[in-house]
């Protein structure tokens, strides 16, 4: 999933780079219910380097969130990778 981080405006992934941390829990609301994930990594990439990174590899059930990096929205992206958390029951 990709979205924008927009300073001083409401945007889907505002402040993702400032708030996401390894081990955090995420909940994804889907039409079939809520899915629980745990953050595996938070990485920054230059915008030019993102296209060649390994995050584009298909990994079943993995959640990847991509947004602008808050401190450098024009040159850097933040990528949060999360895996399903089996310790949290689905709702």
PDB file of N, CA and C in Angstrom:
ATOM      1  N   UNK A   1       0.850  -1.157   0.000  1.00  0.00           N
ATOM      2  CA  UNK A   1       0.000   0.000   0.000  1.00  0.00           C
ATOM      3  C   UNK A   1       0.902   1.228   0.000  1.00  0.00           C
ATOM      4  N   UNK A   2       0.577   2.165  -0.811  1.00  0.00           N
ATOM      5  CA  UNK A   2       1.353   3.400  -0.865  1.00  0.00           C
ATOM      6  C   UNK A   2       0.425   4.570  -0.604  1.00  0.00           C
ATOM      7  N   UNK A   3       0.916   5.554   0.099  1.00  0.00           N
ATOM      8  CA  UNK A   3       0.130   6.739   0.389  1.00  0.00           C
ATOM      9  C   UNK A   3       1.039   7.912   0.688  1.00  0.00           C
ATOM     10  N   UNK A   4       0.434   9.048   0.859  1.00  0.00           N
ATOM     11  CA  UNK A   4       1.209  10.259   1.092  1.00  0.00           C
ATOM     12  C   UNK A   4       1.287  10.621   2.562  1.00  0.00           C
ATOM     13  N   UNK A   5       2.381  11.260   2.904  1.00  0.00           N
ATOM     14  CA  UNK A   5       2.576  11.908   4.193  1.00  0.00           C
ATOM     15  C   UNK A   5       2.612  13.392   3.843  1.00  0.00           C
ATOM     16  N   UNK A   6       1.658  14.147   4.295  1.00  0.00           N
ATOM     17  CA  UNK A   6       1.525  15.536   3.886  1.00  0.00           C
ATOM     18  C   UNK A   6       1.619  16.432   5.111  1.00  0.00           C
ATOM     19  N   UNK A   7       2.601  17.283   5.151  1.00  0.00           N
ATOM     20  CA  UNK A   7       2.799  18.193   6.269  1.00  0.00           C
ATOM     21  C   UNK A   7       1.662  19.210   6.325  1.00  0.00           C
ATOM     22  N   UNK A   8       1.072  19.365   7.485  1.00  0.00           N
ATOM     23  CA  UNK A   8      -0.002  20.337   7.750  1.00  0.00           C
ATOM     24  C   UNK A   8      -1.314  20.031   7.028  1.00  0.00           C
ATOM     25  N   UNK A   9      -1.478  18.816   6.522  1.00  0.00           N
ATOM     26  CA  UNK A   9      -2.733  18.404   5.893  1.00  0.00           C
ATOM     27  C   UNK A   9      -3.014  16.956   6.261  1.00  0.00           C
ATOM     28  N   UNK A  10      -4.267  16.566   6.157  1.00  0.00           N
ATOM     29  CA  UNK A  10      -4.634  15.194   6.443  1.00  0.00           C
ATOM     30  C   UNK A  10      -4.288  14.327   5.230  1.00  0.00           C
ATOM     31  N   UNK A  11      -3.588  13.227   5.467  1.00  0.00           N
ATOM     32  CA  UNK A  11      -3.214  12.307   4.401  1.00  0.00           C
ATOM     33  C   UNK A  11      -3.198  10.886   4.970  1.00  0.00           C
ATOM     34  N   UNK A  12      -3.362   9.872   4.107  1.00  0.00           N
ATOM     35  CA  UNK A  12      -3.505   8.493   4.590  1.00  0.00           C
ATOM     36  C   UNK A  12      -2.379   7.987   5.499  1.00  0.00           C
ATOM     37  N   UNK A  13      -1.163   8.331   5.214  1.00  0.00           N
ATOM     38  CA  UNK A  13      -0.047   7.786   5.989  1.00  0.00           C
ATOM     39  C   UNK A  13       0.747   8.875   6.716  1.00  0.00           C
ATOM     40  N   UNK A  14       0.056   9.908   7.169  1.00  0.00           N
ATOM     41  CA  UNK A  14       0.733  10.983   7.898  1.00  0.00           C
ATOM     42  C   UNK A  14       1.566  10.432   9.053  1.00  0.00           C
ATOM     43  N   UNK A  15       2.780  10.862   9.103  1.00  0.00           N
ATOM     44  CA  UNK A  15       3.707  10.595  10.207  1.00  0.00           C
ATOM     45  C   UNK A  15       4.057   9.123  10.390  1.00  0.00           C
ATOM     46  N   UNK A  16       3.860   8.325   9.363  1.00  0.00           N
ATOM     47  CA  UNK A  16       4.245   6.922   9.443  1.00  0.00           C
ATOM     48  C   UNK A  16       5.721   6.794   9.810  1.00  0.00           C
ATOM     49  N   UNK A  17       6.564   7.627   9.225  1.00  0.00           N
ATOM     50  CA  UNK A  17       8.003   7.528   9.472  1.00  0.00           C
ATOM     51  C   UNK A  17       8.373   7.929  10.895  1.00  0.00           C
ATOM     52  N   UNK A  18       7.558   8.749  11.535  1.00  0.00           N
ATOM     53  CA  UNK A  18       7.872   9.192  12.892  1.00  0.00           C
ATOM     54  C   UNK A  18       7.296   8.261  13.954  1.00  0.00           C
ATOM     55  N   UNK A  19       6.278   7.477  13.606  1.00  0.00           N
ATOM     56  CA  UNK A  19       5.582   6.699  14.621  1.00  0.00           C
ATOM     57  C   UNK A  19       5.743   5.193  14.508  1.00  0.00           C
ATOM     58  N   UNK A  20       6.020   4.657  13.349  1.00  0.00           N
ATOM     59  CA  UNK A  20       6.128   3.204  13.196  1.00  0.00           C
ATOM     60  C   UNK A  20       7.449   2.712  13.763  1.00  0.00           C
ATOM     61  N   UNK A  21       7.387   1.583  14.476  1.00  0.00           N
ATOM     62  CA  UNK A  21       8.593   0.994  15.060  1.00  0.00           C
ATOM     63  C   UNK A  21       8.483  -0.526  14.997  1.00  0.00           C
ATOM     64  N   UNK A  22       9.619  -1.178  14.908  1.00  0.00           N
ATOM     65  CA  UNK A  22       9.664  -2.637  14.888  1.00  0.00           C
ATOM     66  C   UNK A  22       8.970  -3.157  16.148  1.00  0.00           C
ATOM     67  N   UNK A  23       8.100  -4.146  15.955  1.00  0.00           N
ATOM     68  CA  UNK A  23       7.359  -4.736  17.068  1.00  0.00           C
ATOM     69  C   UNK A  23       5.980  -4.146  17.272  1.00  0.00           C
ATOM     70  N   UNK A  24       5.690  -3.004  16.638  1.00  0.00           N
ATOM     71  CA  UNK A  24       4.357  -2.400  16.747  1.00  0.00           C
ATOM     72  C   UNK A  24       3.310  -3.328  16.145  1.00  0.00           C
ATOM     73  N   UNK A  25       2.095  -3.217  16.662  1.00  0.00           N
ATOM     74  CA  UNK A  25       0.960  -3.936  16.091  1.00  0.00           C
ATOM     75  C   UNK A  25       0.212  -3.009  15.152  1.00  0.00           C
ATOM     76  N   UNK A  26      -0.242  -3.552  14.027  1.00  0.00           N
ATOM     77  CA  UNK A  26      -1.067  -2.831  13.067  1.00  0.00           C
ATOM     78  C   UNK A  26      -2.343  -3.619  12.842  1.00  0.00           C
ATOM     79  N   UNK A  27      -3.429  -2.931  12.646  1.00  0.00           N
ATOM     80  CA  UNK A  27      -4.681  -3.587  12.306  1.00  0.00           C
ATOM     81  C   UNK A  27      -5.147  -3.069  10.957  1.00  0.00           C
ATOM     82  N   UNK A  28      -5.407  -3.986  10.056  1.00  0.00           N
ATOM     83  CA  UNK A  28      -5.885  -3.646   8.726  1.00  0.00           C
ATOM     84  C   UNK A  28      -7.358  -4.025   8.650  1.00  0.00           C
ATOM     85  N   UNK A  29      -8.204  -3.047   8.375  1.00  0.00           N
ATOM     86  CA  UNK A  29      -9.636  -3.312   8.236  1.00  0.00           C
ATOM     87  C   UNK A  29      -9.929  -3.691   6.798  1.00  0.00           C
ATOM     88  N   UNK A  30     -10.490  -4.868   6.598  1.00  0.00           N
ATOM     89  CA  UNK A  30     -10.842  -5.367   5.276  1.00  0.00           C
ATOM     90  C   UNK A  30     -12.335  -5.674   5.249  1.00  0.00           C
ATOM     91  N   UNK A  31     -12.866  -5.913   4.087  1.00  0.00           N
ATOM     92  CA  UNK A  31     -14.298  -6.208   3.982  1.00  0.00           C
ATOM     93  C   UNK A  31     -14.667  -7.507   4.688  1.00  0.00           C
ATOM     94  N   UNK A  32     -13.693  -8.377   4.890  1.00  0.00           N
ATOM     95  CA  UNK A  32     -13.942  -9.656   5.559  1.00  0.00           C
ATOM     96  C   UNK A  32     -13.657  -9.615   7.054  1.00  0.00           C
ATOM     97  N   UNK A  33     -13.196  -8.482   7.563  1.00  0.00           N
ATOM     98  CA  UNK A  33     -12.876  -8.342   8.980  1.00  0.00           C
ATOM     99  C   UNK A  33     -11.549  -7.641   9.169  1.00  0.00           C
ATOM    100  N   UNK A  34     -11.042  -7.673  10.382  1.00  0.00           N
ATOM    101  CA  UNK A  34      -9.767  -7.029  10.692  1.00  0.00           C
ATOM    102  C   UNK A  34      -8.645  -8.050  10.713  1.00  0.00           C
ATOM    103  N   UNK A  35      -7.487  -7.647  10.192  1.00  0.00           N
ATOM    104  CA  UNK A  35      -6.308  -8.497  10.154  1.00  0.00           C
ATOM    105  C   UNK A  35      -5.225  -7.876  11.026  1.00  0.00           C
ATOM    106  N   UNK A  36      -4.583  -8.685  11.850  1.00  0.00           N
ATOM    107  CA  UNK A  36      -3.547  -8.194  12.762  1.00  0.00           C
ATOM    108  C   UNK A  36      -2.161  -8.457  12.178  1.00  0.00           C
ATOM    109  N   UNK A  37      -1.317  -7.442  12.251  1.00  0.00           N
ATOM    110  CA  UNK A  37       0.066  -7.533  11.780  1.00  0.00           C
ATOM    111  C   UNK A  37       1.017  -7.014  12.844  1.00  0.00           C
ATOM    112  N   UNK A  38       2.272  -7.456  12.760  1.00  0.00           N
ATOM    113  CA  UNK A  38       3.337  -6.947  13.623  1.00  0.00           C
ATOM    114  C   UNK A  38       4.439  -6.407  12.710  1.00  0.00           C
ATOM    115  N   UNK A  39       4.939  -5.212  13.011  1.00  0.00           N
ATOM    116  CA  UNK A  39       5.961  -4.559  12.186  1.00  0.00           C
ATOM    117  C   UNK A  39       7.290  -5.306  12.305  1.00  0.00           C
ATOM    118  N   UNK A  40       7.832  -5.710  11.152  1.00  0.00           N
ATOM    119  CA  UNK A  40       9.120  -6.401  11.078  1.00  0.00           C
ATOM    120  C   UNK A  40      10.276  -5.429  10.856  1.00  0.00           C
ATOM    121  N   UNK A  41      10.027  -4.401  10.047  1.00  0.00           N
ATOM    122  CA  UNK A  41      11.108  -3.455   9.751  1.00  0.00           C
ATOM    123  C   UNK A  41      10.540  -2.103   9.341  1.00  0.00           C
ATOM    124  N   UNK A  42      11.321  -1.075   9.605  1.00  0.00           N
ATOM    125  CA  UNK A  42      11.043   0.294   9.161  1.00  0.00           C
ATOM    126  C   UNK A  42      12.335   0.780   8.522  1.00  0.00           C
ATOM    127  N   UNK A  43      12.296   1.034   7.211  1.00  0.00           N
ATOM    128  CA  UNK A  43      13.506   1.372   6.458  1.00  0.00           C
ATOM    129  C   UNK A  43      13.251   2.604   5.606  1.00  0.00           C
ATOM    130  N   UNK A  44      14.285   3.426   5.444  1.00  0.00           N
ATOM    131  CA  UNK A  44      14.174   4.556   4.527  1.00  0.00           C
ATOM    132  C   UNK A  44      14.993   4.249   3.269  1.00  0.00           C
ATOM    133  N   UNK A  45      14.466   4.711   2.146  1.00  0.00           N
ATOM    134  CA  UNK A  45      15.115   4.547   0.846  1.00  0.00           C
ATOM    135  C   UNK A  45      15.114   5.885   0.139  1.00  0.00           C
ATOM    136  N   UNK A  46      16.155   6.136  -0.633  1.00  0.00           N
ATOM    137  CA  UNK A  46      16.093   7.287  -1.521  1.00  0.00           C
ATOM    138  C   UNK A  46      15.017   6.978  -2.549  1.00  0.00           C
ATOM    139  N   UNK A  47      14.357   7.995  -3.044  1.00  0.00           N
ATOM    140  CA  UNK A  47      13.301   7.751  -4.036  1.00  0.00           C
ATOM    141  C   UNK A  47      13.859   7.030  -5.262  1.00  0.00           C
ATOM    142  N   UNK A  48      15.078   7.343  -5.642  1.00  0.00           N
ATOM    143  CA  UNK A  48      15.689   6.687  -6.797  1.00  0.00           C
ATOM    144  C   UNK A  48      16.021   5.224  -6.495  1.00  0.00           C
ATOM    145  N   UNK A  49      16.363   4.897  -5.249  1.00  0.00           N
ATOM    146  CA  UNK A  49      16.751   3.536  -4.886  1.00  0.00           C
ATOM    147  C   UNK A  49      15.582   2.621  -4.567  1.00  0.00           C
ATOM    148  N   UNK A  50      14.419   3.193  -4.304  1.00  0.00           N
ATOM    149  CA  UNK A  50      13.254   2.392  -3.915  1.00  0.00           C
ATOM    150  C   UNK A  50      12.839   1.413  -5.010  1.00  0.00           C
ATOM    151  N   UNK A  51      12.904   1.848  -6.255  1.00  0.00           N
ATOM    152  CA  UNK A  51      12.423   0.994  -7.353  1.00  0.00           C
ATOM    153  C   UNK A  51      13.238  -0.289  -7.501  1.00  0.00           C
ATOM    154  N   UNK A  52      14.475  -0.296  -7.044  1.00  0.00           N
ATOM    155  CA  UNK A  52      15.329  -1.485  -7.174  1.00  0.00           C
ATOM    156  C   UNK A  52      15.467  -2.258  -5.862  1.00  0.00           C
ATOM    157  N   UNK A  53      14.697  -1.888  -4.833  1.00  0.00           N
ATOM    158  CA  UNK A  53      14.834  -2.554  -3.542  1.00  0.00           C
ATOM    159  C   UNK A  53      14.097  -3.890  -3.528  1.00  0.00           C
ATOM    160  N   UNK A  54      14.359  -4.684  -2.513  1.00  0.00           N
ATOM    161  CA  UNK A  54      13.757  -6.014  -2.402  1.00  0.00           C
ATOM    162  C   UNK A  54      12.310  -5.970  -1.913  1.00  0.00           C
ATOM    163  N   UNK A  55      11.795  -4.809  -1.562  1.00  0.00           N
ATOM    164  CA  UNK A  55      10.413  -4.761  -1.064  1.00  0.00           C
ATOM    165  C   UNK A  55       9.395  -5.142  -2.126  1.00  0.00           C
ATOM    166  N   UNK A  56       9.769  -5.134  -3.379  1.00  0.00           N
ATOM    167  CA  UNK A  56       8.848  -5.469  -4.465  1.00  0.00           C
ATOM    168  C   UNK A  56       8.703  -6.971  -4.653  1.00  0.00           C
ATOM    169  N   UNK A  57       9.508  -7.774  -3.954  1.00  0.00           N
ATOM    170  CA  UNK A  57       9.369  -9.224  -4.047  1.00  0.00           C
ATOM    171  C   UNK A  57       8.034  -9.643  -3.438  1.00  0.00           C
ATOM    172  N   UNK A  58       7.364 -10.553  -4.097  1.00  0.00           N
ATOM    173  CA  UNK A  58       6.073 -11.033  -3.607  1.00  0.00           C
ATOM    174  C   UNK A  58       6.303 -11.995  -2.436  1.00  0.00           C
ATOM    175  N   UNK A  59       5.706 -11.673  -1.302  1.00  0.00           N
ATOM    176  CA  UNK A  59       5.762 -12.522  -0.110  1.00  0.00           C
ATOM    177  C   UNK A  59       4.324 -12.678   0.376  1.00  0.00           C
ATOM    178  N   UNK A  60       3.786 -13.884   0.334  1.00  0.00           N
ATOM    179  CA  UNK A  60       2.389 -14.079   0.729  1.00  0.00           C
ATOM    180  C   UNK A  60       2.089 -13.522   2.133  1.00  0.00           C
ATOM    181  N   UNK A  61       0.978 -12.831   2.231  1.00  0.00           N
ATOM    182  CA  UNK A  61       0.439 -12.290   3.488  1.00  0.00           C
ATOM    183  C   UNK A  61       1.242 -11.138   4.093  1.00  0.00           C
ATOM    184  N   UNK A  62       2.315 -10.718   3.455  1.00  0.00           N
ATOM    185  CA  UNK A  62       3.110  -9.612   3.971  1.00  0.00           C
ATOM    186  C   UNK A  62       2.418  -8.297   3.655  1.00  0.00           C
ATOM    187  N   UNK A  63       2.496  -7.352   4.575  1.00  0.00           N
ATOM    188  CA  UNK A  63       1.957  -6.011   4.371  1.00  0.00           C
ATOM    189  C   UNK A  63       3.123  -5.045   4.222  1.00  0.00           C
ATOM    190  N   UNK A  64       3.111  -4.257   3.161  1.00  0.00           N
ATOM    191  CA  UNK A  64       4.150  -3.255   2.926  1.00  0.00           C
ATOM    192  C   UNK A  64       3.470  -1.898   2.794  1.00  0.00           C
ATOM    193  N   UNK A  65       3.859  -0.949   3.640  1.00  0.00           N
ATOM    194  CA  UNK A  65       3.343   0.420   3.589  1.00  0.00           C
ATOM    195  C   UNK A  65       4.471   1.328   3.121  1.00  0.00           C
ATOM    196  N   UNK A  66       4.209   2.149   2.127  1.00  0.00           N
ATOM    197  CA  UNK A  66       5.228   3.055   1.577  1.00  0.00           C
ATOM    198  C   UNK A  66       4.686   4.475   1.615  1.00  0.00           C
ATOM    199  N   UNK A  67       5.496   5.388   2.129  1.00  0.00           N
ATOM    200  CA  UNK A  67       5.096   6.786   2.191  1.00  0.00           C
ATOM    201  C   UNK A  67       6.331   7.670   2.083  1.00  0.00           C
ATOM    202  N   UNK A  68       6.093   8.957   1.979  1.00  0.00           N
ATOM    203  CA  UNK A  68       7.187   9.920   2.020  1.00  0.00           C
ATOM    204  C   UNK A  68       7.777   9.930   3.429  1.00  0.00           C
ATOM    205  N   UNK A  69       9.066  10.154   3.522  1.00  0.00           N
ATOM    206  CA  UNK A  69       9.718  10.264   4.822  1.00  0.00           C
ATOM    207  C   UNK A  69       9.493  11.683   5.338  1.00  0.00           C
ATOM    208  N   UNK A  70       8.943  11.809   6.528  1.00  0.00           N
ATOM    209  CA  UNK A  70       8.525  13.104   7.076  1.00  0.00           C
ATOM    210  C   UNK A  70       9.614  14.165   7.018  1.00  0.00           C
ATOM    211  N   UNK A  71      10.858  13.798   7.361  1.00  0.00           N
ATOM    212  CA  UNK A  71      11.938  14.790   7.414  1.00  0.00           C
ATOM    213  C   UNK A  71      12.517  15.137   6.046  1.00  0.00           C
ATOM    214  N   UNK A  72      12.196  14.364   5.022  1.00  0.00           N
ATOM    215  CA  UNK A  72      12.703  14.612   3.667  1.00  0.00           C
ATOM    216  C   UNK A  72      11.684  14.101   2.648  1.00  0.00           C
ATOM    217  N   UNK A  73      10.498  14.733   2.567  1.00  0.00           N
ATOM    218  CA  UNK A  73       9.433  14.201   1.720  1.00  0.00           C
ATOM    219  C   UNK A  73       9.743  14.178   0.231  1.00  0.00           C
ATOM    220  N   UNK A  74      10.701  14.978  -0.229  1.00  0.00           N
ATOM    221  CA  UNK A  74      10.979  15.044  -1.661  1.00  0.00           C
ATOM    222  C   UNK A  74      12.068  14.092  -2.099  1.00  0.00           C
ATOM    223  N   UNK A  75      12.899  13.599  -1.155  1.00  0.00           N
ATOM    224  CA  UNK A  75      14.019  12.756  -1.561  1.00  0.00           C
ATOM    225  C   UNK A  75      14.039  11.367  -0.971  1.00  0.00           C
ATOM    226  N   UNK A  76      13.174  11.103   0.033  1.00  0.00           N
ATOM    227  CA  UNK A  76      13.258   9.840   0.758  1.00  0.00           C
ATOM    228  C   UNK A  76      11.865   9.248   0.992  1.00  0.00           C
ATOM    229  N   UNK A  77      11.794   7.924   0.944  1.00  0.00           N
ATOM    230  CA  UNK A  77      10.566   7.210   1.299  1.00  0.00           C
ATOM    231  C   UNK A  77      10.815   6.354   2.536  1.00  0.00           C
ATOM    232  N   UNK A  78       9.775   6.156   3.321  1.00  0.00           N
ATOM    233  CA  UNK A  78       9.832   5.207   4.433  1.00  0.00           C
ATOM    234  C   UNK A  78       9.014   3.990   4.021  1.00  0.00           C
ATOM    235  N   UNK A  79       9.536   2.817   4.358  1.00  0.00           N
ATOM    236  CA  UNK A  79       8.864   1.565   4.032  1.00  0.00           C
ATOM    237  C   UNK A  79       8.707   0.764   5.323  1.00  0.00           C
ATOM    238  N   UNK A  80       7.463   0.443   5.651  1.00  0.00           N
ATOM    239  CA  UNK A  80       7.154  -0.367   6.825  1.00  0.00           C
ATOM    240  C   UNK A  80       6.701  -1.731   6.321  1.00  0.00           C
ATOM    241  N   UNK A  81       7.378  -2.779   6.792  1.00  0.00           N
ATOM    242  CA  UNK A  81       7.040  -4.147   6.412  1.00  0.00           C
ATOM    243  C   UNK A  81       6.497  -4.850   7.647  1.00  0.00           C
ATOM    244  N   UNK A  82       5.351  -5.518   7.485  1.00  0.00           N
ATOM    245  CA  UNK A  82       4.728  -6.211   8.603  1.00  0.00           C
ATOM    246  C   UNK A  82       4.264  -7.596   8.174  1.00  0.00           C
ATOM    247  N   UNK A  83       4.254  -8.508   9.135  1.00  0.00           N
ATOM    248  CA  UNK A  83       3.793  -9.877   8.912  1.00  0.00           C
ATOM    249  C   UNK A  83       2.560 -10.143   9.756  1.00  0.00           C
ATOM    250  N   UNK A  84       1.725 -11.098   9.330  1.00  0.00           N
ATOM    251  CA  UNK A  84       0.564 -11.446  10.146  1.00  0.00           C
ATOM    252  C   UNK A  84       1.005 -11.826  11.561  1.00  0.00           C
ATOM    253  N   UNK A  85       0.231 -11.401  12.544  1.00  0.00           N
ATOM    254  CA  UNK A  85       0.536 -11.691  13.950  1.00  0.00           C
ATOM    255  C   UNK A  85      -0.410 -12.785  14.433  1.00  0.00           C
ATOM    256  N   UNK A  86       0.060 -14.026  14.489  1.00  0.00           N
ATOM    257  CA  UNK A  86      -0.827 -15.126  14.862  1.00  0.00           C
ATOM    258  C   UNK A  86      -1.250 -15.086  16.333  1.00  0.00           C
ATOM    259  N   UNK A  87      -0.589 -14.274  17.143  1.00  0.00           N
ATOM    260  CA  UNK A  87      -0.941 -14.212  18.562  1.00  0.00           C
ATOM    261  C   UNK A  87      -2.186 -13.344  18.813  1.00  0.00           C
ATOM    262  N   UNK A  88      -2.614 -12.588  17.795  1.00  0.00           N
ATOM    263  CA  UNK A  88      -3.804 -11.760  17.916  1.00  0.00           C
ATOM    264  C   UNK A  88      -4.897 -12.381  17.072  1.00  0.00           C
ATOM    265  N   UNK A  89      -6.013 -12.777  17.691  1.00  0.00           N
ATOM    266  CA  UNK A  89      -7.077 -13.410  16.910  1.00  0.00           C
ATOM    267  C   UNK A  89      -7.727 -12.445  15.927  1.00  0.00           C
ATOM    268  N   UNK A  90      -8.164 -12.964  14.787  1.00  0.00           N
ATOM    269  CA  UNK A  90      -8.874 -12.159  13.786  1.00  0.00           C
ATOM    270  C   UNK A  90     -10.238 -11.774  14.315  1.00  0.00           C
ATOM    271  N   UNK A  91     -10.684 -10.574  13.921  1.00  0.00           N
ATOM    272  CA  UNK A  91     -12.023 -10.115  14.323  1.00  0.00           C
ATOM    273  C   UNK A  91     -12.895 -10.015  13.112  1.00  0.00           C
TER     274      UNK A  91
END
